[in-house]
């Protein structure tokens, strides 16, 4: 009869650190694959609309597309590295806290690296096609902050500088949250020791 009531064994397996870490690492690897597919679709979509632009604008779009590939590669590589870090975590009293800490760092690293490259790409693109660059940059990347008018040389520089500023702030914020999680665990351990 016990073979029909298998959820106890399933819950016990889930609560083990190694299983949980492995499952989460595999989930991140699947996420990396989905991002690659979505980026490829977005990349092809931009190429489909290239015929409507002038020769000068096409040069800017080519540079943007090359930098977009670099940005996506960096994001996927970061996710795969952090998946490996999570899978290699040792057993401890807390299973989820180290995973949450690494995940917060991962979010900050993805945001900062993607925004940095795409802001540079968008700034360069705006030099070639003007304010229309904002529309092209926003299509594949919704989290890009819009700084500047996108017109002329200075508009492109403002867009780049604003993106770099947002990247740094985002990275610091998520690293702070990651460290805060660890500090709260240390506080809980110290209180536990003092109560004994």
C-alpha atoms as a PDB file:
ATOM      1  CA  UNK A   1       0.000   0.000   0.000  1.00  0.00           C
ATOM      2  CA  UNK A   2       2.899   2.370   0.695  1.00  0.00           C
ATOM      3  CA  UNK A   3       3.915   2.402  -2.968  1.00  0.00           C
ATOM      4  CA  UNK A   4       0.702   4.321  -3.737  1.00  0.00           C
ATOM      5  CA  UNK A   5       1.538   6.969  -1.142  1.00  0.00           C
ATOM      6  CA  UNK A   6       4.815   8.147  -2.642  1.00  0.00           C
ATOM      7  CA  UNK A   7       4.602  11.876  -1.817  1.00  0.00           C
ATOM      8  CA  UNK A   8       6.394  11.421   1.489  1.00  0.00           C
ATOM      9  CA  UNK A   9       9.443  10.074  -0.319  1.00  0.00           C
ATOM     10  CA  UNK A  10       9.183  12.845  -2.930  1.00  0.00           C
ATOM     11  CA  UNK A  11       9.046  15.574  -0.264  1.00  0.00           C
ATOM     12  CA  UNK A  12      11.984  14.051   1.565  1.00  0.00           C
ATOM     13  CA  UNK A  13      13.996  14.020  -1.679  1.00  0.00           C
ATOM     14  CA  UNK A  14      13.103  17.641  -2.457  1.00  0.00           C
ATOM     15  CA  UNK A  15      14.182  18.785   0.999  1.00  0.00           C
ATOM     16  CA  UNK A  16      17.663  17.334   0.514  1.00  0.00           C
ATOM     17  CA  UNK A  17      20.163  20.002  -0.420  1.00  0.00           C
ATOM     18  CA  UNK A  18      21.838  18.174  -3.291  1.00  0.00           C
ATOM     19  CA  UNK A  19      18.576  17.462  -5.114  1.00  0.00           C
ATOM     20  CA  UNK A  20      17.363  21.042  -4.661  1.00  0.00           C
ATOM     21  CA  UNK A  21      20.649  22.545  -5.869  1.00  0.00           C
ATOM     22  CA  UNK A  22      20.780  20.216  -8.881  1.00  0.00           C
ATOM     23  CA  UNK A  23      17.161  20.966  -9.846  1.00  0.00           C
ATOM     24  CA  UNK A  24      17.735  24.716  -9.571  1.00  0.00           C
ATOM     25  CA  UNK A  25      20.963  24.524 -11.587  1.00  0.00           C
ATOM     26  CA  UNK A  26      19.171  22.593 -14.344  1.00  0.00           C
ATOM     27  CA  UNK A  27      16.382  25.206 -14.283  1.00  0.00           C
ATOM     28  CA  UNK A  28      18.985  27.945 -14.832  1.00  0.00           C
ATOM     29  CA  UNK A  29      20.493  25.981 -17.720  1.00  0.00           C
ATOM     30  CA  UNK A  30      17.045  25.681 -19.302  1.00  0.00           C
ATOM     31  CA  UNK A  31      16.568  29.426 -18.782  1.00  0.00           C
ATOM     32  CA  UNK A  32      19.858  30.066 -20.598  1.00  0.00           C
ATOM     33  CA  UNK A  33      18.652  27.971 -23.549  1.00  0.00           C
ATOM     34  CA  UNK A  34      15.309  29.839 -23.653  1.00  0.00           C
ATOM     35  CA  UNK A  35      17.112  33.187 -23.593  1.00  0.00           C
ATOM     36  CA  UNK A  36      19.288  32.045 -26.492  1.00  0.00           C
ATOM     37  CA  UNK A  37      16.205  31.082 -28.522  1.00  0.00           C
ATOM     38  CA  UNK A  38      14.374  34.348 -27.717  1.00  0.00           C
ATOM     39  CA  UNK A  39      17.483  36.370 -28.584  1.00  0.00           C
ATOM     40  CA  UNK A  40      17.843  34.549 -31.889  1.00  0.00           C
ATOM     41  CA  UNK A  41      14.220  35.327 -32.789  1.00  0.00           C
ATOM     42  CA  UNK A  42      14.726  38.982 -31.851  1.00  0.00           C
ATOM     43  CA  UNK A  43      17.988  39.130 -33.816  1.00  0.00           C
ATOM     44  CA  UNK A  44      16.331  37.702 -36.945  1.00  0.00           C
ATOM     45  CA  UNK A  45      13.398  40.122 -36.567  1.00  0.00           C
ATOM     46  CA  UNK A  46      15.765  43.097 -36.712  1.00  0.00           C
ATOM     47  CA  UNK A  47      17.460  41.692 -39.830  1.00  0.00           C
ATOM     48  CA  UNK A  48      14.073  41.348 -41.533  1.00  0.00           C
ATOM     49  CA  UNK A  49      13.404  45.082 -41.190  1.00  0.00           C
ATOM     50  CA  UNK A  50      16.868  46.203 -42.361  1.00  0.00           C
ATOM     51  CA  UNK A  51      15.871  46.781 -45.984  1.00  0.00           C
ATOM     52  CA  UNK A  52      13.811  49.842 -45.009  1.00  0.00           C
ATOM     53  CA  UNK A  53      16.909  51.766 -43.869  1.00  0.00           C
ATOM     54  CA  UNK A  54      19.564  53.794 -45.671  1.00  0.00           C
ATOM     55  CA  UNK A  55      23.107  52.500 -46.209  1.00  0.00           C
ATOM     56  CA  UNK A  56      24.400  54.627 -43.326  1.00  0.00           C
ATOM     57  CA  UNK A  57      21.736  53.282 -40.975  1.00  0.00           C
ATOM     58  CA  UNK A  58      22.514  49.706 -42.050  1.00  0.00           C
ATOM     59  CA  UNK A  59      26.115  50.146 -40.838  1.00  0.00           C
ATOM     60  CA  UNK A  60      24.784  51.199 -37.422  1.00  0.00           C
ATOM     61  CA  UNK A  61      22.360  48.264 -37.347  1.00  0.00           C
ATOM     62  CA  UNK A  62      25.162  45.819 -38.177  1.00  0.00           C
ATOM     63  CA  UNK A  63      27.268  47.197 -35.291  1.00  0.00           C
ATOM     64  CA  UNK A  64      24.232  47.012 -32.994  1.00  0.00           C
ATOM     65  CA  UNK A  65      23.500  43.420 -34.022  1.00  0.00           C
ATOM     66  CA  UNK A  66      27.105  42.346 -33.379  1.00  0.00           C
ATOM     67  CA  UNK A  67      27.058  43.949 -29.924  1.00  0.00           C
ATOM     68  CA  UNK A  68      23.652  42.376 -29.233  1.00  0.00           C
ATOM     69  CA  UNK A  69      25.163  38.929 -29.887  1.00  0.00           C
ATOM     70  CA  UNK A  70      27.982  39.747 -27.445  1.00  0.00           C
ATOM     71  CA  UNK A  71      25.459  40.913 -24.803  1.00  0.00           C
ATOM     72  CA  UNK A  72      23.405  37.729 -25.125  1.00  0.00           C
ATOM     73  CA  UNK A  73      26.537  35.559 -24.998  1.00  0.00           C
ATOM     74  CA  UNK A  74      27.673  37.298 -21.803  1.00  0.00           C
ATOM     75  CA  UNK A  75      24.257  36.803 -20.177  1.00  0.00           C
ATOM     76  CA  UNK A  76      24.094  33.110 -21.102  1.00  0.00           C
ATOM     77  CA  UNK A  77      27.661  32.524 -19.953  1.00  0.00           C
ATOM     78  CA  UNK A  78      26.968  34.199 -16.590  1.00  0.00           C
ATOM     79  CA  UNK A  79      23.860  32.054 -16.079  1.00  0.00           C
ATOM     80  CA  UNK A  80      25.781  28.849 -16.845  1.00  0.00           C
ATOM     81  CA  UNK A  81      28.626  29.839 -14.494  1.00  0.00           C
ATOM     82  CA  UNK A  82      26.217  30.610 -11.658  1.00  0.00           C
ATOM     83  CA  UNK A  83      24.327  27.358 -12.324  1.00  0.00           C
ATOM     84  CA  UNK A  84      27.629  25.543 -11.819  1.00  0.00           C
ATOM     85  CA  UNK A  85      28.294  27.552  -8.632  1.00  0.00           C
ATOM     86  CA  UNK A  86      24.887  26.598  -7.226  1.00  0.00           C
ATOM     87  CA  UNK A  87      25.322  22.934  -8.145  1.00  0.00           C
ATOM     88  CA  UNK A  88      28.725  22.891  -6.393  1.00  0.00           C
ATOM     89  CA  UNK A  89      27.469  24.386  -3.123  1.00  0.00           C
ATOM     90  CA  UNK A  90      28.332  22.203  -0.120  1.00  0.00           C
ATOM     91  CA  UNK A  91      25.707  20.848   2.256  1.00  0.00           C
ATOM     92  CA  UNK A  92      24.919  23.192   5.131  1.00  0.00           C
ATOM     93  CA  UNK A  93      22.213  23.961   7.678  1.00  0.00           C
ATOM     94  CA  UNK A  94      20.511  26.206   5.145  1.00  0.00           C
ATOM     95  CA  UNK A  95      19.703  24.906   1.671  1.00  0.00           C
ATOM     96  CA  UNK A  96      17.897  27.825   0.047  1.00  0.00           C
ATOM     97  CA  UNK A  97      19.725  30.839   1.540  1.00  0.00           C
ATOM     98  CA  UNK A  98      22.993  30.326  -0.402  1.00  0.00           C
ATOM     99  CA  UNK A  99      20.960  29.740  -3.573  1.00  0.00           C
ATOM    100  CA  UNK A 100      19.029  32.981  -3.015  1.00  0.00           C
ATOM    101  CA  UNK A 101      22.282  34.868  -2.414  1.00  0.00           C
ATOM    102  CA  UNK A 102      23.847  33.575  -5.632  1.00  0.00           C
ATOM    103  CA  UNK A 103      20.589  34.224  -7.533  1.00  0.00           C
ATOM    104  CA  UNK A 104      20.555  37.856  -6.405  1.00  0.00           C
ATOM    105  CA  UNK A 105      24.141  38.238  -7.584  1.00  0.00           C
ATOM    106  CA  UNK A 106      23.179  36.542 -10.841  1.00  0.00           C
ATOM    107  CA  UNK A 107      20.337  39.016 -11.445  1.00  0.00           C
ATOM    108  CA  UNK A 108      22.658  41.960 -10.823  1.00  0.00           C
ATOM    109  CA  UNK A 109      25.368  40.530 -13.066  1.00  0.00           C
ATOM    110  CA  UNK A 110      22.920  39.808 -15.891  1.00  0.00           C
ATOM    111  CA  UNK A 111      21.382  43.259 -15.650  1.00  0.00           C
ATOM    112  CA  UNK A 112      24.711  45.089 -15.447  1.00  0.00           C
ATOM    113  CA  UNK A 113      26.421  43.210 -18.258  1.00  0.00           C
ATOM    114  CA  UNK A 114      23.453  43.314 -20.636  1.00  0.00           C
ATOM    115  CA  UNK A 115      22.667  46.987 -19.994  1.00  0.00           C
ATOM    116  CA  UNK A 116      26.332  47.950 -20.407  1.00  0.00           C
ATOM    117  CA  UNK A 117      26.734  46.335 -23.823  1.00  0.00           C
ATOM    118  CA  UNK A 118      23.277  47.309 -25.118  1.00  0.00           C
ATOM    119  CA  UNK A 119      23.680  50.921 -23.952  1.00  0.00           C
ATOM    120  CA  UNK A 120      26.921  51.196 -25.904  1.00  0.00           C
ATOM    121  CA  UNK A 121      25.256  49.514 -28.893  1.00  0.00           C
ATOM    122  CA  UNK A 122      22.233  51.814 -28.626  1.00  0.00           C
ATOM    123  CA  UNK A 123      24.403  54.916 -28.353  1.00  0.00           C
ATOM    124  CA  UNK A 124      26.340  53.928 -31.459  1.00  0.00           C
ATOM    125  CA  UNK A 125      23.106  53.094 -33.266  1.00  0.00           C
ATOM    126  CA  UNK A 126      21.656  56.516 -32.405  1.00  0.00           C
ATOM    127  CA  UNK A 127      24.652  58.136 -34.111  1.00  0.00           C
ATOM    128  CA  UNK A 128      23.606  56.415 -37.314  1.00  0.00           C
ATOM    129  CA  UNK A 129      19.791  56.560 -37.208  1.00  0.00           C
ATOM    130  CA  UNK A 130      18.911  59.199 -34.594  1.00  0.00           C
ATOM    131  CA  UNK A 131      16.014  58.852 -32.159  1.00  0.00           C
ATOM    132  CA  UNK A 132      14.719  55.774 -34.004  1.00  0.00           C
ATOM    133  CA  UNK A 133      17.486  53.882 -32.201  1.00  0.00           C
ATOM    134  CA  UNK A 134      15.441  53.928 -28.994  1.00  0.00           C
ATOM    135  CA  UNK A 135      12.702  51.917 -30.674  1.00  0.00           C
ATOM    136  CA  UNK A 136      15.159  49.335 -32.016  1.00  0.00           C
ATOM    137  CA  UNK A 137      16.952  49.047 -28.674  1.00  0.00           C
ATOM    138  CA  UNK A 138      13.720  48.675 -26.687  1.00  0.00           C
ATOM    139  CA  UNK A 139      12.375  45.854 -28.891  1.00  0.00           C
ATOM    140  CA  UNK A 140      14.925  43.204 -27.823  1.00  0.00           C
ATOM    141  CA  UNK A 141      15.594  44.637 -24.367  1.00  0.00           C
ATOM    142  CA  UNK A 142      12.737  46.002 -22.296  1.00  0.00           C
ATOM    143  CA  UNK A 143      14.840  46.895 -19.246  1.00  0.00           C
ATOM    144  CA  UNK A 144      16.995  49.507 -20.992  1.00  0.00           C
ATOM    145  CA  UNK A 145      16.596  52.904 -19.335  1.00  0.00           C
ATOM    146  CA  UNK A 146      15.962  55.768 -21.783  1.00  0.00           C
ATOM    147  CA  UNK A 147      18.431  58.583 -21.230  1.00  0.00           C
ATOM    148  CA  UNK A 148      18.917  61.522 -23.559  1.00  0.00           C
ATOM    149  CA  UNK A 149      17.095  62.487 -26.702  1.00  0.00           C
ATOM    150  CA  UNK A 150      18.889  59.974 -28.920  1.00  0.00           C
ATOM    151  CA  UNK A 151      19.723  62.786 -31.339  1.00  0.00           C
ATOM    152  CA  UNK A 152      23.262  63.489 -32.469  1.00  0.00           C
ATOM    153  CA  UNK A 153      26.622  62.676 -30.961  1.00  0.00           C
ATOM    154  CA  UNK A 154      25.808  63.959 -27.462  1.00  0.00           C
ATOM    155  CA  UNK A 155      22.482  62.138 -27.379  1.00  0.00           C
ATOM    156  CA  UNK A 156      24.318  58.876 -28.059  1.00  0.00           C
ATOM    157  CA  UNK A 157      26.885  59.620 -25.346  1.00  0.00           C
ATOM    158  CA  UNK A 158      24.157  60.463 -22.817  1.00  0.00           C
ATOM    159  CA  UNK A 159      22.414  57.191 -23.646  1.00  0.00           C
ATOM    160  CA  UNK A 160      25.665  55.250 -23.121  1.00  0.00           C
ATOM    161  CA  UNK A 161      26.553  57.066 -19.885  1.00  0.00           C
ATOM    162  CA  UNK A 162      23.027  56.616 -18.514  1.00  0.00           C
ATOM    163  CA  UNK A 163      23.106  52.917 -19.304  1.00  0.00           C
ATOM    164  CA  UNK A 164      26.499  52.480 -17.640  1.00  0.00           C
ATOM    165  CA  UNK A 165      25.261  54.359 -14.565  1.00  0.00           C
ATOM    166  CA  UNK A 166      22.157  52.134 -14.366  1.00  0.00           C
ATOM    167  CA  UNK A 167      24.326  49.036 -14.752  1.00  0.00           C
ATOM    168  CA  UNK A 168      26.587  50.015 -11.868  1.00  0.00           C
ATOM    169  CA  UNK A 169      23.679  50.951  -9.596  1.00  0.00           C
ATOM    170  CA  UNK A 170      21.860  47.716 -10.428  1.00  0.00           C
ATOM    171  CA  UNK A 171      24.949  45.601  -9.760  1.00  0.00           C
ATOM    172  CA  UNK A 172      25.639  47.287  -6.415  1.00  0.00           C
ATOM    173  CA  UNK A 173      21.980  46.973  -5.367  1.00  0.00           C
ATOM    174  CA  UNK A 174      21.745  43.253  -6.112  1.00  0.00           C
ATOM    175  CA  UNK A 175      25.136  42.492  -4.540  1.00  0.00           C
ATOM    176  CA  UNK A 176      23.976  44.409  -1.461  1.00  0.00           C
ATOM    177  CA  UNK A 177      20.810  42.298  -1.283  1.00  0.00           C
ATOM    178  CA  UNK A 178      22.873  39.110  -1.727  1.00  0.00           C
ATOM    179  CA  UNK A 179      25.168  40.090   1.137  1.00  0.00           C
ATOM    180  CA  UNK A 180      22.204  41.160   3.269  1.00  0.00           C
ATOM    181  CA  UNK A 181      20.724  37.658   2.989  1.00  0.00           C
ATOM    182  CA  UNK A 182      24.014  36.148   4.178  1.00  0.00           C
ATOM    183  CA  UNK A 183      24.329  38.690   7.003  1.00  0.00           C
ATOM    184  CA  UNK A 184      20.821  37.845   8.232  1.00  0.00           C
ATOM    185  CA  UNK A 185      21.810  34.174   8.366  1.00  0.00           C
ATOM    186  CA  UNK A 186      24.943  35.054  10.348  1.00  0.00           C
ATOM    187  CA  UNK A 187      22.851  37.104  12.766  1.00  0.00           C
ATOM    188  CA  UNK A 188      20.440  34.183  13.204  1.00  0.00           C
ATOM    189  CA  UNK A 189      23.356  31.808  13.890  1.00  0.00           C
ATOM    190  CA  UNK A 190      24.890  34.171  16.453  1.00  0.00           C
ATOM    191  CA  UNK A 191      21.576  34.624  18.244  1.00  0.00           C
ATOM    192  CA  UNK A 192      21.137  30.860  18.336  1.00  0.00           C
ATOM    193  CA  UNK A 193      24.627  30.426  19.826  1.00  0.00           C
ATOM    194  CA  UNK A 194      24.012  33.142  22.421  1.00  0.00           C
ATOM    195  CA  UNK A 195      20.675  31.620  23.464  1.00  0.00           C
ATOM    196  CA  UNK A 196      22.422  28.313  24.157  1.00  0.00           C
END
